[in-house]
Amino acid sequence: MTKQDRAVRTRLALIRSAAERFEARGYVRASLAEISAGAGVSSGALHFHFANKAAVADAVEHAAEDALREAAARHQHGDGSALQRLVDVTHHLARLLCADVVVRAGLRLNAEQAAGRVRDLRLGWRECVLGLLAEAERGGELAAGVTPQRTSAVVLAATTGIEVLAREDHGWLARPSLTDLWQLLLPCLAAPCLAGTLDPAGSPSVGSSSAGSGQAGPGGRADGGRAEAGRAGLALR
């Protein structure tokens, strides 16, 4: 392994370790000593890559931003229904949040503005949702009276709420939670010509590998018996 390869690996290990500490302890309580120890390197190695804790936090946010942008890009352009791709990208995002501590920590840091906000990680998500809904409108996929602007606000509020709730219970990121959401929304959003053609659980290529499938749902309920309970719960929350 070259010196450059080692440096890249060390930097990535520090970013992941920082994300784990920021998620577990928060920005203020997480220490540089904990971050370097978690990455298995010395404090000197950490300071070679980052001047201070704010710089580490910025690197976590930047890595999260890259991952979110890549996830959105996979579904923004393509063949088939734009509404189905919108459903699919929300499942993809939930899977990413469940699997990647850097994305979770980056979003949390960004929302709390703890380290001084230099970017808006949710901007790309807003643009993705609005873009897909605008495409759906152009393609005649939206029901009469449904507009991309108003609908995007609902989708953004719902998905952001799920992300925030999942900070305490990753069961909110399980596939049934988003499936329940789309089972409620799609009949209101989709044009009658699309009835029965959209899958709220996501396309097969997305749903077959969904993270969180089979996990306990919010409050510790097993997914196997919560289809109806989940729908009722969403109506109350």
Foldseek 3Di string as FASTA:
>chain_A
DDPVVVLVLLLVLLLQLLLVCCLVPNLVPDALCSSCVSSVHDSVSVCVPAVGSLRSLVVLLVVLLVVLLVLLVVQLDDDDQLVLSLLLSLLVVLQCCLPGSSNLSNQVCQVVCPSPHPDRSCPSVLCSQLSSQVVCVVVQFWAPPDDSVVVSVVVVVVSVVLSVLCSVPSLSSALLNQLLVCVVVVVNTTYPVCPPVHRSSHDCVRNVPRPNHQAQHPPRHTPVPCNVVSNVVVVVD
